[in-house]
């Protein structure tokens, strides 16, 4: 089984933290000797710490920067649409 120590800084991953969780896109922000700082991308960006020895249910896919940027741009488009709707009111 994979652990957070398998993730590399600067890379993006689609992963399942546990069997009963959704797939999420994360990137590695920083490493210490025992921990890893991650950013989860979704409706709201969230930074969180994990122990490097914590297990990951599944690393579904490693994404390059271009692929991750394309996915993140979808959220930017949603935010722009919401801004337009608020201005119309």
N, C-alpha and C. Protein backbone atom coordinates (compact mmCIF):
# COMPACT_ATOMS: atom_id res chain seq x y z
N UNK A 1 0.85 -1.18 0.00
CA UNK A 1 0.00 0.00 0.00
C UNK A 1 0.89 1.24 0.00
N UNK A 2 0.46 2.26 -0.73
CA UNK A 2 1.22 3.49 -0.84
C UNK A 2 1.13 4.29 0.46
N UNK A 3 2.14 5.13 0.67
CA UNK A 3 2.13 6.06 1.80
C UNK A 3 2.38 7.47 1.26
N UNK A 4 2.20 8.46 2.12
CA UNK A 4 2.44 9.83 1.71
C UNK A 4 3.91 10.09 1.39
N UNK A 5 4.80 9.25 1.87
CA UNK A 5 6.22 9.37 1.55
C UNK A 5 6.48 9.11 0.07
N UNK A 6 5.54 8.45 -0.62
CA UNK A 6 5.69 8.16 -2.05
C UNK A 6 5.42 9.39 -2.92
N UNK A 7 4.82 10.43 -2.36
CA UNK A 7 4.48 11.62 -3.14
C UNK A 7 5.67 12.56 -3.21
N UNK A 8 5.85 13.21 -4.37
CA UNK A 8 6.99 14.08 -4.60
C UNK A 8 6.57 15.55 -4.65
N UNK A 9 7.39 16.45 -4.06
CA UNK A 9 7.08 17.88 -4.08
C UNK A 9 6.93 18.40 -5.50
N UNK A 10 5.97 19.31 -5.68
CA UNK A 10 5.77 19.93 -6.97
C UNK A 10 4.90 19.13 -7.92
N UNK A 11 4.55 17.91 -7.57
CA UNK A 11 3.71 17.07 -8.43
C UNK A 11 2.26 17.12 -7.97
N UNK A 12 1.38 16.79 -8.87
CA UNK A 12 -0.05 16.72 -8.59
C UNK A 12 -0.49 15.26 -8.67
N UNK A 13 -1.42 14.89 -7.80
CA UNK A 13 -1.89 13.51 -7.75
C UNK A 13 -3.40 13.48 -7.59
N UNK A 14 -4.02 12.48 -8.22
CA UNK A 14 -5.39 12.12 -7.92
C UNK A 14 -5.30 10.92 -7.01
N UNK A 15 -5.89 11.03 -5.82
CA UNK A 15 -5.77 9.92 -4.88
C UNK A 15 -7.01 9.73 -4.04
N UNK A 16 -7.12 8.53 -3.49
CA UNK A 16 -8.15 8.20 -2.51
C UNK A 16 -7.42 7.98 -1.19
N UNK A 17 -7.76 8.79 -0.22
CA UNK A 17 -7.13 8.71 1.10
C UNK A 17 -7.54 7.43 1.82
N UNK A 18 -8.80 7.07 1.69
CA UNK A 18 -9.34 5.86 2.32
C UNK A 18 -10.37 5.26 1.37
N UNK A 19 -10.75 4.03 1.63
CA UNK A 19 -11.64 3.32 0.73
C UNK A 19 -12.99 4.03 0.56
N UNK A 20 -13.49 4.64 1.60
CA UNK A 20 -14.81 5.26 1.55
C UNK A 20 -14.78 6.76 1.24
N UNK A 21 -13.66 7.28 0.73
CA UNK A 21 -13.56 8.70 0.39
C UNK A 21 -13.58 8.90 -1.11
N UNK A 22 -13.89 10.12 -1.52
CA UNK A 22 -13.87 10.48 -2.93
C UNK A 22 -12.43 10.67 -3.40
N UNK A 23 -12.24 10.62 -4.70
CA UNK A 23 -10.94 10.93 -5.29
C UNK A 23 -10.75 12.44 -5.18
N UNK A 24 -9.55 12.87 -4.78
CA UNK A 24 -9.25 14.29 -4.71
C UNK A 24 -7.92 14.57 -5.37
N UNK A 25 -7.77 15.81 -5.86
CA UNK A 25 -6.50 16.21 -6.45
C UNK A 25 -5.70 16.95 -5.38
N UNK A 26 -4.44 16.53 -5.20
CA UNK A 26 -3.57 17.15 -4.21
C UNK A 26 -2.22 17.45 -4.83
N UNK A 27 -1.51 18.38 -4.23
CA UNK A 27 -0.11 18.62 -4.57
C UNK A 27 0.68 18.71 -3.28
N UNK A 28 1.96 18.39 -3.38
CA UNK A 28 2.85 18.43 -2.23
C UNK A 28 3.46 19.82 -2.15
N UNK A 29 3.28 20.48 -1.01
CA UNK A 29 3.82 21.82 -0.81
C UNK A 29 5.16 21.81 -0.09
N UNK A 30 5.30 20.92 0.90
CA UNK A 30 6.53 20.90 1.70
C UNK A 30 6.68 19.56 2.40
N UNK A 31 7.92 19.25 2.74
CA UNK A 31 8.24 18.02 3.47
C UNK A 31 9.07 18.35 4.70
N UNK A 32 8.85 17.60 5.77
CA UNK A 32 9.75 17.60 6.91
C UNK A 32 10.25 16.17 7.06
N UNK A 33 11.02 15.90 8.08
CA UNK A 33 11.51 14.54 8.27
C UNK A 33 10.37 13.54 8.45
N UNK A 34 9.30 13.96 9.12
CA UNK A 34 8.23 13.01 9.45
C UNK A 34 6.86 13.36 8.87
N UNK A 35 6.72 14.57 8.32
CA UNK A 35 5.40 15.01 7.85
C UNK A 35 5.46 15.56 6.43
N UNK A 36 4.29 15.74 5.86
CA UNK A 36 4.16 16.28 4.51
C UNK A 36 2.99 17.27 4.52
N UNK A 37 3.20 18.43 3.90
CA UNK A 37 2.16 19.44 3.77
C UNK A 37 1.57 19.33 2.37
N UNK A 38 0.25 19.15 2.31
CA UNK A 38 -0.44 18.96 1.04
C UNK A 38 -1.48 20.05 0.83
N UNK A 39 -1.79 20.30 -0.42
CA UNK A 39 -2.91 21.18 -0.77
C UNK A 39 -3.91 20.35 -1.55
N UNK A 40 -5.15 20.38 -1.09
CA UNK A 40 -6.24 19.69 -1.77
C UNK A 40 -6.98 20.71 -2.63
N UNK A 41 -7.22 20.35 -3.88
CA UNK A 41 -7.91 21.25 -4.80
C UNK A 41 -9.32 20.74 -5.03
N UNK A 42 -10.27 21.65 -5.00
CA UNK A 42 -11.67 21.32 -5.21
C UNK A 42 -12.45 22.60 -5.19
N UNK A 43 -13.68 22.55 -4.70
CA UNK A 43 -14.48 23.76 -4.59
C UNK A 43 -13.76 24.79 -3.73
N UNK A 44 -13.06 24.31 -2.70
CA UNK A 44 -12.29 25.16 -1.81
C UNK A 44 -10.91 24.53 -1.65
N UNK A 45 -9.86 25.34 -1.82
CA UNK A 45 -8.51 24.83 -1.59
C UNK A 45 -8.29 24.71 -0.10
N UNK A 46 -7.62 23.63 0.30
CA UNK A 46 -7.37 23.39 1.72
C UNK A 46 -5.97 22.81 1.87
N UNK A 47 -5.18 23.38 2.77
CA UNK A 47 -3.86 22.84 3.09
C UNK A 47 -3.98 21.99 4.35
N UNK A 48 -3.27 20.85 4.36
CA UNK A 48 -3.33 19.98 5.53
C UNK A 48 -2.04 19.16 5.63
N UNK A 49 -1.75 18.74 6.85
CA UNK A 49 -0.57 17.94 7.16
C UNK A 49 -0.94 16.47 7.30
N UNK A 50 -0.04 15.60 6.87
CA UNK A 50 -0.15 14.16 7.08
C UNK A 50 1.22 13.65 7.52
N UNK A 51 1.22 12.56 8.25
CA UNK A 51 2.48 11.90 8.56
C UNK A 51 2.94 11.16 7.31
N UNK A 52 4.23 11.19 7.02
CA UNK A 52 4.74 10.54 5.82
C UNK A 52 4.49 9.04 5.83
N UNK A 53 4.31 8.46 7.02
CA UNK A 53 4.07 7.02 7.12
C UNK A 53 2.59 6.65 7.00
N UNK A 54 1.69 7.66 6.98
CA UNK A 54 0.25 7.37 6.82
C UNK A 54 0.01 6.72 5.46
N UNK A 55 -0.88 5.76 5.45
CA UNK A 55 -1.14 5.04 4.20
C UNK A 55 -2.17 5.78 3.34
N UNK A 56 -2.07 5.54 2.04
CA UNK A 56 -3.00 6.06 1.05
C UNK A 56 -3.69 4.84 0.44
N UNK A 57 -4.99 4.87 0.39
CA UNK A 57 -5.74 3.75 -0.18
C UNK A 57 -5.30 3.49 -1.63
N UNK A 58 -5.22 4.58 -2.43
CA UNK A 58 -4.84 4.40 -3.83
C UNK A 58 -4.35 5.72 -4.42
N UNK A 59 -3.19 5.68 -5.07
CA UNK A 59 -2.76 6.80 -5.92
C UNK A 59 -3.32 6.47 -7.29
N UNK A 60 -4.38 7.16 -7.67
CA UNK A 60 -5.08 6.85 -8.91
C UNK A 60 -4.24 7.26 -10.11
N UNK A 61 -3.65 8.47 -10.03
CA UNK A 61 -2.90 8.98 -11.17
C UNK A 61 -1.99 10.11 -10.73
N UNK A 62 -0.81 10.19 -11.35
CA UNK A 62 0.07 11.34 -11.18
C UNK A 62 -0.14 12.24 -12.38
N UNK A 63 -0.35 13.53 -12.12
CA UNK A 63 -0.64 14.48 -13.19
C UNK A 63 0.54 15.41 -13.42
N UNK A 64 0.77 15.76 -14.69
CA UNK A 64 1.77 16.77 -14.98
C UNK A 64 1.13 18.15 -14.76
N UNK A 65 1.95 19.17 -14.80
CA UNK A 65 1.48 20.52 -14.50
C UNK A 65 0.38 20.96 -15.47
N UNK A 66 0.54 20.66 -16.76
CA UNK A 66 -0.45 21.08 -17.76
C UNK A 66 -1.81 20.44 -17.49
N UNK A 67 -1.83 19.16 -17.18
CA UNK A 67 -3.09 18.47 -16.90
C UNK A 67 -3.76 19.04 -15.65
N UNK A 68 -2.97 19.26 -14.61
CA UNK A 68 -3.52 19.82 -13.37
C UNK A 68 -4.05 21.23 -13.61
N UNK A 69 -3.33 22.04 -14.38
CA UNK A 69 -3.78 23.41 -14.67
C UNK A 69 -5.09 23.41 -15.44
N UNK A 70 -5.24 22.47 -16.37
CA UNK A 70 -6.48 22.38 -17.14
C UNK A 70 -7.66 22.06 -16.21
N UNK A 71 -7.45 21.18 -15.26
CA UNK A 71 -8.51 20.83 -14.31
C UNK A 71 -8.82 22.03 -13.41
N UNK A 72 -7.79 22.68 -12.91
CA UNK A 72 -8.00 23.83 -12.02
C UNK A 72 -8.69 24.99 -12.73
N UNK A 73 -8.46 25.13 -14.03
CA UNK A 73 -9.11 26.21 -14.77
C UNK A 73 -10.63 26.04 -14.80
N UNK A 74 -11.12 24.81 -14.65
CA UNK A 74 -12.56 24.58 -14.59
C UNK A 74 -13.17 25.28 -13.38
N UNK A 75 -12.46 25.26 -12.26
CA UNK A 75 -12.95 25.93 -11.06
C UNK A 75 -12.91 27.44 -11.24
N UNK A 76 -11.89 27.96 -11.94
CA UNK A 76 -11.81 29.39 -12.20
C UNK A 76 -12.99 29.85 -13.03
N UNK A 77 -13.39 29.04 -14.03
CA UNK A 77 -14.54 29.38 -14.87
C UNK A 77 -15.81 29.43 -14.04
N UNK A 78 -15.99 28.49 -13.11
CA UNK A 78 -17.17 28.49 -12.25
C UNK A 78 -17.23 29.75 -11.40
N UNK A 79 -16.08 30.17 -10.86
CA UNK A 79 -16.04 31.37 -10.03
C UNK A 79 -16.40 32.60 -10.84
N UNK A 80 -15.91 32.67 -12.10
CA UNK A 80 -16.23 33.81 -12.95
C UNK A 80 -17.73 33.86 -13.23
N UNK A 81 -18.35 32.70 -13.49
CA UNK A 81 -19.79 32.65 -13.74
C UNK A 81 -20.56 33.12 -12.51
N UNK A 82 -20.13 32.72 -11.32
CA UNK A 82 -20.80 33.15 -10.09
C UNK A 82 -20.68 34.66 -9.91
N UNK A 83 -19.50 35.22 -10.24
CA UNK A 83 -19.31 36.66 -10.14
C UNK A 83 -20.28 37.40 -11.06
N UNK A 84 -20.46 36.90 -12.28
CA UNK A 84 -21.38 37.53 -13.23
C UNK A 84 -22.81 37.47 -12.70
N UNK A 85 -23.20 36.35 -12.13
CA UNK A 85 -24.55 36.20 -11.60
C UNK A 85 -24.79 37.18 -10.45
N UNK A 86 -23.80 37.39 -9.59
CA UNK A 86 -23.94 38.32 -8.48
C UNK A 86 -24.07 39.75 -8.97
N UNK A 87 -23.35 40.11 -10.04
CA UNK A 87 -23.42 41.47 -10.58
C UNK A 87 -24.77 41.74 -11.22
N UNK A 88 -25.41 40.71 -11.79
CA UNK A 88 -26.71 40.87 -12.43
C UNK A 88 -27.83 41.14 -11.43
N UNK A 89 -27.64 40.74 -10.19
CA UNK A 89 -28.70 40.88 -9.17
C UNK A 89 -28.84 42.28 -8.66
